[in-house]
Amino acid sequence: MKILVSATTFSREITPEAWEALERFATDIVVNPYDRPLTENELIELLEGVDGFIAGVDNISAEVIAHAPDSLKVISRYGVGYDQVDIKACGQRGIIVTNTPEVNAESVADLAFGLMLSVARKIVLADRQTRQGGWPKTTGIELYNKTLGIIGLGAIGKRVARRAKGFSMKVLAYDPWIDESYCEQHQITISSFEDILSCSDFISLHMPLTADTRHIINSETINRMKDGVILINTARGGLIDEQAVYSALKSGKLGGFGLDVFEVEPPGSSLFFELDNTVVTPHMASSTNEAINGMGKQAVQNLIDVLTGKECPYIVNREYLRR
């Protein structure tokens, strides 16, 4: 079996257990030589003769899939999101697409909460000013007794909610497929999207990027929020209209913003970099030893399951697979 690995943090050094499992299965492993996401032309070239593909955040478009070899049977996403994979085109070619949900949930929830605290208490601003010789008297806000609105109560959203309960926050949650029993067990108030906007002191985004959710946070939805809301995005950059959020941060309508994701990554320059009420990180929410190893092992297992004809529970394009 010939396997292509494009994920830059999947390696013998970083994910040794997963790498060893892949080596035991594959006869030929082709590694991304560029230490960055592959371009479409590079993907087309490197996919030649490949049976399985462990994918990072490359743009796997319909054009790439149209040029994919007949030997390609599975694209195993090393991560949760698959918005950069044309899953319909894959399905029409009979290529199964899988992902690795849950294994990075604790890691992402940690960072989401870290961003919440950093923005609320102005930790990054105070650190920078102190290092520059100042002794700033920054004043922030407490999380205690505040209302957190979670949009998307999946594996990550649930873990953010549990952390919020530890800070005595009131938690509201909106999800089209809400887990009612979980909400009852953990005292989470099931809410509408509108209630999340109008009632929350903090809003944290944890939904996938789709045609319906793109720019779900825009000038119109921001205007329906309470003044001074702190917004957190560790999901996908395309969920927000960056210009609208920037304008709201400048005007004070939004009290702060913590983000780990941008609409274009890496962003190069960003309007957010000039703002003191914004904390930015470089799409690192899953970058813990535990999450990286978990994603690696699950990605390899998904790939092996598909290529050996076993049932894989993490197929994301079943509806498009050829009947």
Protein backbone atom coordinates (compact mmCIF):
# COMPACT_ATOMS: atom_id res chain seq x y z
CA MET A 1 0.00 0.00 0.00
CA LYS A 2 1.27 3.45 -0.96
CA ILE A 3 0.28 6.21 1.47
CA LEU A 4 0.69 9.98 1.15
CA VAL A 5 1.06 12.01 4.37
CA SER A 6 0.64 15.78 4.00
CA ALA A 7 -0.06 16.68 7.66
CA THR A 8 3.06 18.50 8.81
CA THR A 9 2.85 17.44 12.47
CA PHE A 10 2.42 13.76 11.61
CA SER A 11 5.93 12.30 11.76
CA ARG A 12 8.14 9.67 13.35
CA GLU A 13 9.37 12.28 15.85
CA ILE A 14 6.07 13.94 16.80
CA THR A 15 3.60 11.04 16.55
CA PRO A 16 5.79 7.94 17.00
CA GLU A 17 3.04 5.43 17.85
CA ALA A 18 0.89 6.44 14.89
CA TRP A 19 3.90 6.48 12.58
CA GLU A 20 4.94 2.98 13.63
CA ALA A 21 1.40 1.71 13.04
CA LEU A 22 1.45 3.23 9.56
CA GLU A 23 4.87 1.75 8.81
CA ARG A 24 3.63 -1.72 9.75
CA PHE A 25 0.75 -1.36 7.29
CA ALA A 26 2.18 0.58 4.35
CA THR A 27 4.81 -0.57 1.88
CA ASP A 28 5.56 2.97 0.68
CA ILE A 29 5.05 6.24 2.61
CA VAL A 30 5.33 9.54 0.74
CA VAL A 31 5.85 12.53 3.06
CA ASN A 32 5.03 16.18 2.36
CA PRO A 33 8.43 17.65 1.41
CA TYR A 34 7.46 21.30 1.88
CA ASP A 35 6.53 21.61 5.59
CA ARG A 36 3.37 23.54 4.64
CA PRO A 37 -0.03 22.75 3.11
CA LEU A 38 0.32 21.42 -0.42
CA THR A 39 -0.91 23.32 -3.46
CA GLU A 40 -3.38 21.71 -5.85
CA ASN A 41 -0.66 20.99 -8.41
CA GLU A 42 1.59 19.48 -5.75
CA LEU A 43 -1.26 17.29 -4.51
CA ILE A 44 -2.04 16.06 -8.01
CA GLU A 45 1.61 15.13 -8.52
CA LEU A 46 2.13 13.46 -5.14
CA LEU A 47 -1.13 11.48 -5.26
CA GLU A 48 0.07 9.47 -8.25
CA GLY A 49 -0.31 5.77 -7.43
CA VAL A 50 -1.45 6.45 -3.86
CA ASP A 51 -3.95 4.13 -2.11
CA GLY A 52 -4.57 6.24 1.00
CA PHE A 53 -3.96 9.84 2.03
CA ILE A 54 -3.49 11.23 5.55
CA ALA A 55 -4.39 14.86 4.94
CA GLY A 56 -3.55 18.03 6.81
CA VAL A 57 -5.19 21.34 5.92
CA ASP A 58 -4.52 21.15 2.19
CA ASN A 59 -7.18 22.41 -0.22
CA ILE A 60 -8.46 19.13 -1.67
CA SER A 61 -10.67 20.57 -4.37
CA ALA A 62 -12.85 18.99 -7.03
CA GLU A 63 -9.99 19.65 -9.46
CA VAL A 64 -7.60 17.63 -7.30
CA ILE A 65 -10.11 14.80 -7.00
CA ALA A 66 -10.73 14.80 -10.76
CA HIS A 67 -7.01 14.11 -11.27
CA ALA A 68 -6.72 11.61 -8.40
CA PRO A 69 -5.68 8.08 -9.38
CA ASP A 70 -8.21 5.25 -9.40
CA SER A 71 -6.10 3.62 -6.69
CA LEU A 72 -7.05 6.32 -4.13
CA LYS A 73 -9.67 4.85 -1.81
CA VAL A 74 -9.53 6.98 1.33
CA ILE A 75 -8.64 10.48 2.50
CA SER A 76 -8.12 10.34 6.26
CA ARG A 77 -8.27 13.85 7.71
CA TYR A 78 -5.76 14.40 10.49
CA GLY A 79 -8.17 16.56 12.47
CA VAL A 80 -11.86 17.29 12.87
CA GLY A 81 -12.72 19.87 10.20
CA TYR A 82 -13.11 18.84 6.58
CA ASP A 83 -14.32 22.07 4.99
CA GLN A 84 -11.22 22.13 2.75
CA VAL A 85 -12.09 18.74 1.27
CA ASP A 86 -14.67 18.55 -1.52
CA ILE A 87 -16.48 15.60 0.03
CA LYS A 88 -19.09 15.48 -2.71
CA ALA A 89 -16.45 15.14 -5.44
CA CYS A 90 -14.75 12.47 -3.34
CA GLY A 91 -17.99 10.56 -2.94
CA GLN A 92 -18.68 10.66 -6.66
CA ARG A 93 -15.28 9.06 -7.25
CA GLY A 94 -15.93 6.48 -4.55
CA ILE A 95 -13.27 7.97 -2.27
CA ILE A 96 -14.12 7.72 1.43
CA VAL A 97 -13.32 10.75 3.63
CA THR A 98 -12.85 10.32 7.39
CA ASN A 99 -11.97 12.59 10.30
CA THR A 100 -10.82 12.32 13.92
CA PRO A 101 -13.53 13.80 16.16
CA GLU A 102 -13.26 14.01 19.96
CA VAL A 103 -9.53 13.21 20.29
CA ASN A 104 -8.63 16.92 20.27
CA ALA A 105 -11.69 18.12 22.19
CA GLU A 106 -9.98 18.67 25.55
CA SER A 107 -7.11 20.51 23.89
CA VAL A 108 -9.37 22.87 21.93
CA ALA A 109 -11.60 23.49 24.94
CA ASP A 110 -8.53 24.40 27.00
CA LEU A 111 -7.44 27.01 24.47
CA ALA A 112 -10.95 28.42 24.08
CA PHE A 113 -11.12 28.95 27.81
CA GLY A 114 -7.57 30.29 27.89
CA LEU A 115 -8.51 32.89 25.28
CA MET A 116 -11.61 33.78 27.27
CA LEU A 117 -9.55 34.44 30.38
CA SER A 118 -6.80 36.24 28.46
CA VAL A 119 -9.23 38.66 26.83
CA ALA A 120 -11.36 39.20 29.93
CA ARG A 121 -8.38 39.93 32.20
CA LYS A 122 -6.22 41.59 29.50
CA ILE A 123 -3.39 39.21 30.33
CA VAL A 124 -1.51 39.55 27.04
CA LEU A 125 -1.72 43.35 27.07
CA ALA A 126 -0.51 43.52 30.68
CA ASP A 127 2.34 41.11 29.94
CA ARG A 128 3.51 43.17 26.96
CA GLN A 129 3.36 46.48 28.81
CA THR A 130 5.17 45.06 31.84
CA ARG A 131 7.96 43.64 29.66
CA GLN A 132 8.33 47.10 28.11
CA GLY A 133 9.05 48.59 31.54
CA GLY A 134 5.57 49.67 32.49
CA TRP A 135 3.51 48.76 35.52
CA PRO A 136 0.02 48.89 34.02
CA LYS A 137 -3.12 49.08 36.10
CA THR A 138 -5.30 47.18 33.67
CA THR A 139 -8.86 46.46 34.72
CA GLY A 140 -10.69 43.47 33.32
CA ILE A 141 -13.86 41.57 34.10
CA GLU A 142 -14.55 38.37 36.03
CA LEU A 143 -15.98 35.23 34.50
CA TYR A 144 -17.81 34.49 37.75
CA ASN A 145 -21.60 34.73 37.39
CA LYS A 146 -21.38 35.77 33.73
CA THR A 147 -23.39 34.15 30.93
CA LEU A 148 -21.53 32.10 28.32
CA GLY A 149 -23.33 31.36 25.07
CA ILE A 150 -21.99 28.33 23.22
CA ILE A 151 -22.90 28.01 19.54
CA GLY A 152 -22.33 24.37 18.65
CA LEU A 153 -22.58 21.88 21.52
CA GLY A 154 -20.59 19.02 20.07
CA ALA A 155 -17.59 17.32 21.66
CA ILE A 156 -15.66 20.58 22.07
CA GLY A 157 -18.63 22.74 23.04
CA LYS A 158 -19.59 20.29 25.78
CA ARG A 159 -16.11 20.45 27.27
CA VAL A 160 -16.10 24.25 27.18
CA ALA A 161 -19.43 24.16 29.02
CA ARG A 162 -17.99 21.93 31.75
CA ARG A 163 -15.07 24.29 32.25
CA ALA A 164 -17.44 27.25 32.44
CA LYS A 165 -19.42 25.54 35.19
CA GLY A 166 -16.20 25.35 37.18
CA PHE A 167 -16.08 29.16 37.01
CA SER A 168 -19.71 29.45 38.17
CA MET A 169 -20.86 30.76 34.81
CA LYS A 170 -24.38 30.38 33.48
CA VAL A 171 -24.19 28.41 30.24
CA LEU A 172 -26.55 28.75 27.28
CA ALA A 173 -26.19 26.48 24.27
CA TYR A 174 -27.54 26.44 20.74
CA ASP A 175 -27.12 23.49 18.40
CA PRO A 176 -29.50 22.22 15.71
CA TRP A 177 -28.93 18.71 17.07
CA ILE A 178 -28.84 19.52 20.78
CA ASP A 179 -28.16 16.74 23.27
CA GLU A 180 -31.02 17.39 25.68
CA SER A 181 -30.01 14.78 28.25
CA TYR A 182 -26.47 16.18 28.42
CA CYS A 183 -27.81 19.69 28.92
CA GLU A 184 -30.09 18.53 31.72
CA GLN A 185 -27.29 16.59 33.41
CA HIS A 186 -24.88 19.55 33.31
CA GLN A 187 -27.37 22.38 33.92
CA ILE A 188 -26.95 23.91 30.47
CA THR A 189 -29.84 26.03 29.24
CA ILE A 190 -30.98 25.07 25.74
CA SER A 191 -31.40 28.34 23.85
CA SER A 192 -32.18 29.72 20.43
CA PHE A 193 -29.51 31.40 18.33
CA GLU A 194 -31.27 34.72 18.97
CA ASP A 195 -31.19 34.21 22.74
CA ILE A 196 -27.48 33.43 22.61
CA LEU A 197 -26.87 36.72 20.82
CA SER A 198 -29.03 38.87 23.09
CA CYS A 199 -28.29 37.33 26.50
CA SER A 200 -24.61 36.33 26.52
CA ASP A 201 -21.64 38.13 28.06
CA PHE A 202 -19.28 35.73 26.27
CA ILE A 203 -19.95 33.85 23.03
CA SER A 204 -17.82 30.89 21.95
CA LEU A 205 -18.09 29.35 18.47
CA HIS A 206 -17.84 25.58 18.04
CA MET A 207 -19.60 24.66 14.81
CA PRO A 208 -18.32 23.45 11.44
CA LEU A 209 -17.90 25.81 8.50
CA THR A 210 -20.60 25.19 5.91
CA ALA A 211 -22.46 27.28 3.35
CA ASP A 212 -25.06 27.97 6.05
CA THR A 213 -22.60 28.96 8.79
CA ARG A 214 -20.15 31.05 6.75
CA HIS A 215 -20.06 34.59 8.22
CA ILE A 216 -22.71 33.65 10.78
CA ILE A 217 -21.13 36.39 12.87
CA ASN A 218 -21.60 39.55 10.80
CA SER A 219 -22.64 43.16 11.28
CA GLU A 220 -26.31 42.19 11.59
CA THR A 221 -25.80 39.48 14.21
CA ILE A 222 -23.29 41.61 16.11
CA ASN A 223 -25.85 44.41 16.37
CA ARG A 224 -28.20 41.98 18.11
CA MET A 225 -25.60 41.20 20.80
CA LYS A 226 -25.27 42.88 24.17
CA ASP A 227 -22.78 45.74 24.25
CA GLY A 228 -19.32 44.64 25.35
CA VAL A 229 -19.65 40.94 24.52
CA ILE A 230 -16.40 38.97 24.35
CA LEU A 231 -16.28 36.69 21.30
CA ILE A 232 -14.15 33.53 21.06
CA ASN A 233 -13.46 31.58 17.85
CA THR A 234 -11.42 28.38 17.90
CA ALA A 235 -13.48 26.69 15.19
CA ARG A 236 -13.07 28.10 11.66
CA GLY A 237 -12.11 31.58 10.51
CA GLY A 238 -14.85 31.68 7.90
CA LEU A 239 -17.53 31.68 10.60
CA ILE A 240 -16.98 35.40 11.10
CA ASP A 241 -16.99 38.42 8.83
CA GLU A 242 -13.58 39.76 9.85
CA GLN A 243 -14.27 43.34 8.76
CA ALA A 244 -17.54 43.44 10.71
CA VAL A 245 -15.88 42.05 13.85
CA TYR A 246 -12.96 44.48 13.51
CA SER A 247 -15.35 47.44 13.22
CA ALA A 248 -17.30 46.27 16.28
CA LEU A 249 -14.10 45.92 18.29
CA LYS A 250 -13.00 49.43 17.29
CA SER A 251 -16.37 50.93 18.23
CA GLY A 252 -16.62 49.06 21.54
CA LYS A 253 -19.74 47.13 20.53
CA LEU A 254 -17.62 44.02 21.06
CA GLY A 255 -15.62 44.14 24.26
CA GLY A 256 -12.94 41.76 23.05
CA PHE A 257 -12.08 38.91 20.72
CA GLY A 258 -9.99 35.79 21.15
CA LEU A 259 -9.24 33.91 17.95
CA ASP A 260 -7.19 30.91 16.94
CA VAL A 261 -8.38 30.82 13.33
CA PHE A 262 -8.45 33.19 10.36
CA GLU A 263 -10.38 33.12 7.11
CA VAL A 264 -7.05 32.96 5.23
CA GLU A 265 -4.22 31.13 6.96
CA PRO A 266 -1.58 32.15 7.60
CA PRO A 267 -3.04 35.67 7.52
CA GLY A 268 0.21 37.52 6.80
CA SER A 269 -1.11 40.78 8.19
CA SER A 270 -4.45 41.31 9.87
CA LEU A 271 -6.44 44.27 11.11
CA PHE A 272 -6.80 42.41 14.41
CA PHE A 273 -3.06 42.71 15.10
CA GLU A 274 -3.41 46.43 15.84
CA LEU A 275 -6.09 45.99 18.51
CA ASP A 276 -5.33 45.73 22.23
CA ASN A 277 -8.68 44.06 22.96
CA THR A 278 -7.85 41.08 20.76
CA VAL A 279 -5.76 37.99 21.52
CA VAL A 280 -4.59 35.95 18.54
CA THR A 281 -2.99 32.51 18.29
CA PRO A 282 -1.80 30.64 15.16
CA HIS A 283 -4.40 27.83 14.80
CA MET A 284 -2.81 25.95 17.69
CA ALA A 285 -5.87 24.72 19.58
CA SER A 286 -5.08 21.08 18.77
CA SER A 287 -1.35 21.50 19.35
CA THR A 288 -0.84 19.49 22.50
CA ASN A 289 1.12 16.27 22.79
CA GLU A 290 -2.03 14.42 23.79
CA ALA A 291 -4.22 15.73 20.96
CA ILE A 292 -1.59 15.34 18.25
CA ASN A 293 -0.89 11.74 19.21
CA GLY A 294 -4.60 10.98 19.48
CA MET A 295 -5.33 12.47 16.05
CA GLY A 296 -2.42 10.58 14.54
CA LYS A 297 -3.49 7.21 15.89
CA GLN A 298 -7.12 7.74 14.90
CA ALA A 299 -6.21 8.96 11.41
CA VAL A 300 -4.08 5.86 10.81
CA GLN A 301 -6.75 3.54 12.21
CA ASN A 302 -9.40 5.13 9.98
CA LEU A 303 -7.18 4.69 6.94
CA ILE A 304 -6.41 1.06 7.76
CA ASP A 305 -10.07 0.27 8.47
CA VAL A 306 -11.16 1.57 5.07
CA LEU A 307 -8.34 -0.05 3.10
CA THR A 308 -8.90 -3.43 4.77
CA GLY A 309 -12.67 -3.35 4.34
CA LYS A 310 -13.55 -2.88 7.99
CA GLU A 311 -16.34 -0.63 9.22
CA CYS A 312 -15.09 2.88 10.06
CA PRO A 313 -17.36 4.98 12.31
CA TYR A 314 -15.86 8.31 11.23
CA ILE A 315 -16.84 8.55 7.55
CA VAL A 316 -18.05 12.09 6.77
CA ASN A 317 -19.22 11.72 3.15
CA ARG A 318 -21.55 8.72 3.31
CA GLU A 319 -24.36 10.65 1.62
CA TYR A 320 -22.24 11.25 -1.48
CA LEU A 321 -20.67 7.83 -1.90
CA ARG A 322 -21.70 6.01 -5.04
CA ARG A 323 -24.47 3.51 -4.42
